[in-house]
C-alpha atoms as a PDB file:
ATOM      1  CA  MET A   1      61.553 105.431 113.920  1.00  0.00           C
ATOM      2  CA  ILE A   2      64.686 103.345 114.415  1.00  0.00           C
ATOM      3  CA  LYS A   3      67.036 102.748 111.490  1.00  0.00           C
ATOM      4  CA  GLN A   4      69.898 100.294 111.144  1.00  0.00           C
ATOM      5  CA  VAL A   5      73.009 102.039 109.783  1.00  0.00           C
ATOM      6  CA  SER A   6      75.578  99.237 110.138  1.00  0.00           C
ATOM      7  CA  ARG A   7      75.816  95.680 111.426  1.00  0.00           C
ATOM      8  CA  SER A   8      75.189  96.583 115.059  1.00  0.00           C
ATOM      9  CA  VAL A   9      74.494 100.345 115.087  1.00  0.00           C
ATOM     10  CA  TYR A  10      70.999 101.827 114.961  1.00  0.00           C
ATOM     11  CA  GLN A  11      69.910 105.454 114.658  1.00  0.00           C
ATOM     12  CA  ILE A  12      67.044 106.745 116.821  1.00  0.00           C
ATOM     13  CA  PRO A  13      65.752 110.059 115.421  1.00  0.00           C
ATOM     14  CA  LEU A  14      64.352 112.304 118.164  1.00  0.00           C
ATOM     15  CA  GLY A  15      63.159 115.251 116.122  1.00  0.00           C
ATOM     16  CA  ALA A  16      65.985 117.778 115.971  1.00  0.00           C
ATOM     17  CA  VAL A  17      68.635 115.345 117.190  1.00  0.00           C
ATOM     18  CA  ASN A  18      69.708 111.741 116.618  1.00  0.00           C
ATOM     19  CA  THR A  19      70.789 109.254 119.244  1.00  0.00           C
ATOM     20  CA  TYR A  20      72.375 105.876 118.542  1.00  0.00           C
ATOM     21  CA  VAL A  21      72.312 102.411 120.026  1.00  0.00           C
ATOM     22  CA  ILE A  22      74.856  99.636 119.557  1.00  0.00           C
ATOM     23  CA  LYS A  23      73.354  96.155 119.780  1.00  0.00           C
ATOM     24  CA  GLU A  24      75.504  93.278 121.027  1.00  0.00           C
ATOM     25  CA  GLY A  25      74.986  89.905 122.638  1.00  0.00           C
ATOM     26  CA  ASP A  26      75.346  91.243 126.182  1.00  0.00           C
ATOM     27  CA  GLY A  27      72.950  94.148 125.687  1.00  0.00           C
ATOM     28  CA  LEU A  28      72.884  97.700 124.381  1.00  0.00           C
ATOM     29  CA  THR A  29      75.130 100.747 124.469  1.00  0.00           C
ATOM     30  CA  LEU A  30      73.232 104.018 124.109  1.00  0.00           C
ATOM     31  CA  ILE A  31      75.078 106.975 122.576  1.00  0.00           C
ATOM     32  CA  ASP A  32      73.529 110.284 123.707  1.00  0.00           C
ATOM     33  CA  THR A  33      70.055 110.771 125.156  1.00  0.00           C
ATOM     34  CA  GLY A  34      68.343 113.685 123.396  1.00  0.00           C
ATOM     35  CA  TYR A  35      66.572 116.527 125.155  1.00  0.00           C
ATOM     36  CA  ALA A  36      64.889 116.031 128.530  1.00  0.00           C
ATOM     37  CA  LYS A  37      61.891 113.672 128.728  1.00  0.00           C
ATOM     38  CA  GLN A  38      62.860 111.573 125.717  1.00  0.00           C
ATOM     39  CA  SER A  39      63.102 108.247 127.550  1.00  0.00           C
ATOM     40  CA  ASP A  40      59.718 106.963 126.386  1.00  0.00           C
ATOM     41  CA  LYS A  41      60.571 107.650 122.736  1.00  0.00           C
ATOM     42  CA  ILE A  42      63.881 105.842 123.122  1.00  0.00           C
ATOM     43  CA  PHE A  43      62.219 102.863 124.805  1.00  0.00           C
ATOM     44  CA  ARG A  44      59.557 102.629 122.085  1.00  0.00           C
ATOM     45  CA  ALA A  45      62.318 102.613 119.462  1.00  0.00           C
ATOM     46  CA  LEU A  46      64.180  99.859 121.289  1.00  0.00           C
ATOM     47  CA  ALA A  47      61.003  97.762 121.400  1.00  0.00           C
ATOM     48  CA  LYS A  48      61.051  97.775 117.584  1.00  0.00           C
ATOM     49  CA  ILE A  49      64.290  95.772 117.714  1.00  0.00           C
ATOM     50  CA  ASP A  50      62.997  93.540 120.520  1.00  0.00           C
ATOM     51  CA  HIS A  51      64.824  95.179 123.411  1.00  0.00           C
ATOM     52  CA  ALA A  52      63.638  96.447 126.784  1.00  0.00           C
ATOM     53  CA  PRO A  53      64.942  99.433 128.810  1.00  0.00           C
ATOM     54  CA  GLY A  54      66.878  97.086 131.096  1.00  0.00           C
ATOM     55  CA  ASP A  55      68.951  95.933 128.127  1.00  0.00           C
ATOM     56  CA  ILE A  56      70.802  99.270 128.138  1.00  0.00           C
ATOM     57  CA  LYS A  57      74.093  98.401 129.854  1.00  0.00           C
ATOM     58  CA  ARG A  58      75.894 101.735 129.492  1.00  0.00           C
ATOM     59  CA  ILE A  59      75.283 105.280 128.228  1.00  0.00           C
ATOM     60  CA  ILE A  60      78.031 107.223 126.470  1.00  0.00           C
ATOM     61  CA  LEU A  61      77.739 110.989 126.020  1.00  0.00           C
ATOM     62  CA  THR A  62      79.479 112.658 123.095  1.00  0.00           C
ATOM     63  CA  HIS A  63      79.140 115.913 125.067  1.00  0.00           C
ATOM     64  CA  SER A  64      77.062 117.727 127.679  1.00  0.00           C
ATOM     65  CA  HIS A  65      74.722 119.941 125.614  1.00  0.00           C
ATOM     66  CA  PRO A  66      70.997 119.661 126.486  1.00  0.00           C
ATOM     67  CA  ASP A  67      70.026 118.006 123.197  1.00  0.00           C
ATOM     68  CA  HIS A  68      72.512 115.202 123.877  1.00  0.00           C
ATOM     69  CA  ALA A  69      72.545 114.840 127.679  1.00  0.00           C
ATOM     70  CA  GLY A  70      69.077 116.135 128.546  1.00  0.00           C
ATOM     71  CA  SER A  71      67.548 112.737 129.350  1.00  0.00           C
ATOM     72  CA  LEU A  72      70.648 111.221 130.922  1.00  0.00           C
ATOM     73  CA  ALA A  73      69.547 111.488 134.563  1.00  0.00           C
ATOM     74  CA  GLU A  74      66.096 110.109 133.760  1.00  0.00           C
ATOM     75  CA  LEU A  75      67.501 107.197 131.771  1.00  0.00           C
ATOM     76  CA  LYS A  76      69.957 106.353 134.525  1.00  0.00           C
ATOM     77  CA  ARG A  77      67.096 106.171 137.028  1.00  0.00           C
ATOM     78  CA  LEU A  78      64.999 103.981 134.743  1.00  0.00           C
ATOM     79  CA  THR A  79      67.720 101.590 133.575  1.00  0.00           C
ATOM     80  CA  GLY A  80      70.443 101.670 136.217  1.00  0.00           C
ATOM     81  CA  ALA A  81      73.005 102.068 133.426  1.00  0.00           C
ATOM     82  CA  PRO A  82      76.276 103.873 134.218  1.00  0.00           C
ATOM     83  CA  ALA A  83      77.276 106.950 132.245  1.00  0.00           C
ATOM     84  CA  MET A  84      80.545 107.653 130.436  1.00  0.00           C
ATOM     85  CA  ALA A  85      81.873 110.975 129.113  1.00  0.00           C
ATOM     86  CA  HIS A  86      85.085 112.914 128.660  1.00  0.00           C
ATOM     87  CA  ALA A  87      86.292 114.521 131.888  1.00  0.00           C
ATOM     88  CA  GLU A  88      85.843 118.073 130.567  1.00  0.00           C
ATOM     89  CA  ASP A  89      82.110 117.598 130.006  1.00  0.00           C
ATOM     90  CA  ALA A  90      81.562 115.064 132.791  1.00  0.00           C
ATOM     91  CA  ALA A  91      82.313 117.917 135.205  1.00  0.00           C
ATOM     92  CA  LEU A  92      79.494 119.980 133.668  1.00  0.00           C
ATOM     93  CA  ILE A  93      77.017 117.092 133.753  1.00  0.00           C
ATOM     94  CA  ARG A  94      77.665 116.453 137.431  1.00  0.00           C
ATOM     95  CA  ASN A  95      76.838 120.106 138.125  1.00  0.00           C
ATOM     96  CA  GLY A  96      73.796 120.317 135.867  1.00  0.00           C
ATOM     97  CA  VAL A  97      75.467 122.706 133.401  1.00  0.00           C
ATOM     98  CA  ALA A  98      74.787 122.056 129.721  1.00  0.00           C
ATOM     99  CA  GLY A  99      77.517 124.048 127.971  1.00  0.00           C
ATOM    100  CA  ARG A 100      80.123 126.756 128.089  1.00  0.00           C
ATOM    101  CA  LEU A 101      78.829 130.163 127.061  1.00  0.00           C
ATOM    102  CA  PRO A 102      78.899 132.162 124.914  1.00  0.00           C
ATOM    103  CA  PHE A 103      78.332 129.969 121.865  1.00  0.00           C
ATOM    104  CA  ILE A 104      79.698 131.135 118.510  1.00  0.00           C
ATOM    105  CA  VAL A 105      77.031 130.724 115.817  1.00  0.00           C
ATOM    106  CA  THR A 106      78.246 129.361 112.475  1.00  0.00           C
ATOM    107  CA  LYS A 107      77.454 131.574 109.488  1.00  0.00           C
ATOM    108  CA  GLY A 108      74.562 130.659 107.201  1.00  0.00           C
ATOM    109  CA  PHE A 109      70.780 130.972 107.044  1.00  0.00           C
ATOM    110  CA  VAL A 110      70.082 127.384 108.147  1.00  0.00           C
ATOM    111  CA  ASN A 111      72.340 127.805 111.169  1.00  0.00           C
ATOM    112  CA  TRP A 112      70.595 131.081 112.037  1.00  0.00           C
ATOM    113  CA  ILE A 113      67.211 129.327 111.900  1.00  0.00           C
ATOM    114  CA  VAL A 114      68.391 126.348 113.961  1.00  0.00           C
ATOM    115  CA  PHE A 115      70.009 128.596 116.555  1.00  0.00           C
ATOM    116  CA  ASN A 116      66.902 130.732 116.994  1.00  0.00           C
ATOM    117  CA  LEU A 117      64.441 127.821 117.014  1.00  0.00           C
ATOM    118  CA  PHE A 118      66.305 125.230 119.077  1.00  0.00           C
ATOM    119  CA  ILE A 119      69.220 126.799 120.959  1.00  0.00           C
ATOM    120  CA  LYS A 120      68.811 130.490 121.756  1.00  0.00           C
ATOM    121  CA  ASN A 121      65.972 130.178 124.256  1.00  0.00           C
ATOM    122  CA  VAL A 122      66.861 126.816 125.797  1.00  0.00           C
ATOM    123  CA  ALA A 123      68.098 127.035 129.388  1.00  0.00           C
ATOM    124  CA  ASN A 124      71.779 126.213 129.709  1.00  0.00           C
ATOM    125  CA  GLU A 125      71.105 123.434 132.198  1.00  0.00           C
ATOM    126  CA  ILE A 126      70.378 119.742 132.477  1.00  0.00           C
ATOM    127  CA  GLU A 127      69.434 117.592 135.442  1.00  0.00           C
ATOM    128  CA  ALA A 128      72.655 116.950 137.346  1.00  0.00           C
ATOM    129  CA  CYS A 129      73.679 113.304 137.690  1.00  0.00           C
ATOM    130  CA  ALA A 130      76.662 111.057 138.173  1.00  0.00           C
ATOM    131  CA  VAL A 131      79.093 110.155 135.421  1.00  0.00           C
ATOM    132  CA  GLU A 132      80.729 106.930 136.522  1.00  0.00           C
ATOM    133  CA  GLU A 133      83.566 106.744 133.993  1.00  0.00           C
ATOM    134  CA  GLU A 134      85.663 109.471 132.403  1.00  0.00           C
ATOM    135  CA  LEU A 135      86.931 108.763 128.897  1.00  0.00           C
ATOM    136  CA  GLU A 136      90.256 109.849 127.432  1.00  0.00           C
ATOM    137  CA  ASP A 137      91.544 110.311 123.911  1.00  0.00           C
ATOM    138  CA  GLY A 138      92.649 107.035 122.349  1.00  0.00           C
ATOM    139  CA  VAL A 139      90.944 104.725 124.837  1.00  0.00           C
ATOM    140  CA  LEU A 140      89.685 101.518 123.229  1.00  0.00           C
ATOM    141  CA  LEU A 141      86.383 100.367 124.697  1.00  0.00           C
ATOM    142  CA  PRO A 142      85.351  96.682 124.483  1.00  0.00           C
ATOM    143  CA  ILE A 143      82.254  97.480 122.432  1.00  0.00           C
ATOM    144  CA  SER A 144      81.465  96.206 118.939  1.00  0.00           C
ATOM    145  CA  GLY A 145      84.877  94.607 118.526  1.00  0.00           C
ATOM    146  CA  GLY A 146      86.725  97.649 119.863  1.00  0.00           C
ATOM    147  CA  MET A 147      85.466 101.253 119.845  1.00  0.00           C
ATOM    148  CA  GLN A 148      88.068 104.035 119.898  1.00  0.00           C
ATOM    149  CA  VAL A 149      87.420 107.276 121.758  1.00  0.00           C
ATOM    150  CA  ILE A 150      88.627 110.361 119.844  1.00  0.00           C
ATOM    151  CA  HIS A 151      88.742 113.594 121.826  1.00  0.00           C
ATOM    152  CA  THR A 152      87.398 116.244 119.445  1.00  0.00           C
ATOM    153  CA  PRO A 153      87.074 119.630 121.190  1.00  0.00           C
ATOM    154  CA  GLY A 154      85.760 122.755 119.485  1.00  0.00           C
ATOM    155  CA  HIS A 155      82.013 122.268 119.610  1.00  0.00           C
ATOM    156  CA  SER A 156      82.474 121.515 123.313  1.00  0.00           C
ATOM    157  CA  SER A 157      85.744 121.163 125.210  1.00  0.00           C
ATOM    158  CA  GLY A 158      84.892 117.613 126.217  1.00  0.00           C
ATOM    159  CA  HIS A 159      83.372 116.482 122.923  1.00  0.00           C
ATOM    160  CA  ILE A 160      84.250 112.978 121.737  1.00  0.00           C
ATOM    161  CA  ALA A 161      83.676 111.044 118.541  1.00  0.00           C
ATOM    162  CA  LEU A 162      83.569 107.247 118.516  1.00  0.00           C
ATOM    163  CA  LEU A 163      85.286 105.143 115.856  1.00  0.00           C
ATOM    164  CA  LEU A 164      84.099 101.568 115.261  1.00  0.00           C
ATOM    165  CA  PRO A 165      86.646 100.003 112.878  1.00  0.00           C
ATOM    166  CA  GLU A 166      84.794  96.693 112.539  1.00  0.00           C
ATOM    167  CA  GLU A 167      81.678  98.638 111.476  1.00  0.00           C
ATOM    168  CA  ASP A 168      83.748 101.006 109.264  1.00  0.00           C
ATOM    169  CA  LEU A 169      81.822 103.762 111.016  1.00  0.00           C
ATOM    170  CA  LEU A 170      82.350 107.028 112.906  1.00  0.00           C
ATOM    171  CA  ILE A 171      79.725 108.173 115.403  1.00  0.00           C
ATOM    172  CA  ALA A 172      80.461 111.883 115.054  1.00  0.00           C
ATOM    173  CA  GLY A 173      78.065 113.439 117.551  1.00  0.00           C
ATOM    174  CA  ASP A 174      78.298 117.201 116.915  1.00  0.00           C
ATOM    175  CA  LEU A 175      81.826 117.054 115.540  1.00  0.00           C
ATOM    176  CA  CYS A 176      80.085 118.471 112.478  1.00  0.00           C
ATOM    177  CA  ALA A 177      76.571 118.322 111.026  1.00  0.00           C
ATOM    178  CA  ASN A 178      74.981 117.092 107.802  1.00  0.00           C
ATOM    179  CA  MET A 179      71.663 118.923 107.662  1.00  0.00           C
ATOM    180  CA  SER A 180      71.533 121.021 104.477  1.00  0.00           C
ATOM    181  CA  GLY A 181      74.897 119.677 103.451  1.00  0.00           C
ATOM    182  CA  LEU A 182      78.023 118.913 105.404  1.00  0.00           C
ATOM    183  CA  GLY A 183      79.268 121.761 107.583  1.00  0.00           C
ATOM    184  CA  LEU A 184      80.368 122.897 110.995  1.00  0.00           C
ATOM    185  CA  SER A 185      77.860 122.449 113.808  1.00  0.00           C
ATOM    186  CA  THR A 186      75.439 125.321 114.320  1.00  0.00           C
ATOM    187  CA  VAL A 187      77.318 126.532 117.402  1.00  0.00           C
ATOM    188  CA  ASN A 188      80.853 126.006 118.641  1.00  0.00           C
ATOM    189  CA  GLU A 189      83.039 127.141 121.500  1.00  0.00           C
ATOM    190  CA  ASN A 190      85.880 127.584 119.001  1.00  0.00           C
ATOM    191  CA  ALA A 191      85.247 127.033 115.291  1.00  0.00           C
ATOM    192  CA  LYS A 192      88.918 126.677 114.329  1.00  0.00           C
ATOM    193  CA  VAL A 193      89.492 124.032 117.004  1.00  0.00           C
ATOM    194  CA  ALA A 194      86.314 122.289 115.797  1.00  0.00           C
ATOM    195  CA  ARG A 195      87.660 122.173 112.221  1.00  0.00           C
ATOM    196  CA  ASP A 196      90.995 120.842 113.462  1.00  0.00           C
ATOM    197  CA  SER A 197      89.157 118.145 115.420  1.00  0.00           C
ATOM    198  CA  ILE A 198      87.270 117.067 112.310  1.00  0.00           C
ATOM    199  CA  LEU A 199      90.541 116.673 110.431  1.00  0.00           C
ATOM    200  CA  LYS A 200      92.000 114.772 113.401  1.00  0.00           C
ATOM    201  CA  ALA A 201      89.118 112.274 113.315  1.00  0.00           C
ATOM    202  CA  CYS A 202      89.480 111.946 109.546  1.00  0.00           C
ATOM    203  CA  ARG A 203      93.071 110.767 109.813  1.00  0.00           C
ATOM    204  CA  ASN A 204      91.280 107.462 110.277  1.00  0.00           C
ATOM    205  CA  ASP A 205      89.601 105.860 107.290  1.00  0.00           C
ATOM    206  CA  PHE A 206      85.900 105.004 107.594  1.00  0.00           C
ATOM    207  CA  GLN A 207      83.192 104.468 105.025  1.00  0.00           C
ATOM    208  CA  LYS A 208      80.244 105.630 107.144  1.00  0.00           C
ATOM    209  CA  ALA A 209      79.645 108.575 109.447  1.00  0.00           C
ATOM    210  CA  VAL A 210      76.541 109.344 111.495  1.00  0.00           C
ATOM    211  CA  PHE A 211      75.759 112.674 113.111  1.00  0.00           C
ATOM    212  CA  GLY A 212      73.814 114.182 115.963  1.00  0.00           C
ATOM    213  CA  HIS A 213      72.096 116.428 113.427  1.00  0.00           C
ATOM    214  CA  GLY A 214      71.351 115.444 109.851  1.00  0.00           C
ATOM    215  CA  LYS A 215      71.670 112.469 107.572  1.00  0.00           C
ATOM    216  CA  PRO A 216      74.384 109.796 107.627  1.00  0.00           C
ATOM    217  CA  ILE A 217      77.097 109.523 105.020  1.00  0.00           C
ATOM    218  CA  LEU A 218      77.170 105.884 103.993  1.00  0.00           C
ATOM    219  CA  LYS A 219      80.090 105.766 101.543  1.00  0.00           C
ATOM    220  CA  ASN A 220      83.565 107.353 101.502  1.00  0.00           C
ATOM    221  CA  ALA A 221      82.729 109.358 104.616  1.00  0.00           C
ATOM    222  CA  SER A 222      86.258 110.076 105.866  1.00  0.00           C
ATOM    223  CA  LYS A 223      87.392 111.145 102.395  1.00  0.00           C
ATOM    224  CA  ILE A 224      84.373 113.408 101.911  1.00  0.00           C
ATOM    225  CA  MET A 225      84.799 115.013 105.329  1.00  0.00           C
ATOM    226  CA  ARG A 226      88.561 115.420 104.884  1.00  0.00           C
ATOM    227  CA  MET A 227      88.161 117.175 101.531  1.00  0.00           C
ATOM    228  CA  LYS A 228      85.329 119.402 102.758  1.00  0.00           C
ATOM    229  CA  PHE A 229      86.987 120.688 105.907  1.00  0.00           C
ATOM    230  CA  LYS A 230      90.581 120.795 104.682  1.00  0.00           C
ATOM    231  CA  ALA A 231      89.425 123.278 102.055  1.00  0.00           C
ATOM    232  CA  MET A 232      87.368 125.351 104.501  1.00  0.00           C
ATOM    233  CA  LYS A 233      88.733 128.837 105.109  1.00  0.00           C
ATOM    234  CA  MET A 234      88.610 130.005 108.716  1.00  0.00           C
ATOM    235  CA  ASN A 235      88.318 133.698 109.553  1.00  0.00           C
END
């Protein structure tokens, strides 16, 4: 259920979405929270690496969509951990709004299936809660030897990716997806801005990339992503 992807980063698969936890001496940093009512699954996964709910010291949201922020309020109540997000999406979370409509669905049969099964009929709301810290582009957080916040709008205006140079790893969130191959996320607010954000993140070199949806890339990730999306034609 929980998979180690680098020295201190673990993937927690929650069905249609992945969350991540960074393990350090002073406790855990949780990246994203899945849909609502996923706390028990997350806690059971943490038990596999000998950690309790109270070991979560902070929760970082890549963005406000219900599959990433749905359990945030519940987890905050259960752990007392503060939340961090970009200001653009922090404002939505505080008001219980999941995303900015309408979504633009990416072309392709798999995206059509995912949209109709997991997105189309889901209420555009989450449980409102506090976000204690707003993150900005370029901020270096004292996590895992220094974790850089990269503001990557397109999928959501306040979307962020997280670069961990000492792990040679990018936590991409929904910057893009790697389900049936590497591609744009199933929905975006602005697909061209999303592609530009991917290329922005890939100005950095990293061997590994992990995603909110799909499998990790464990070798030459920045090069693979750069080549894929630089060549992508936008309508």
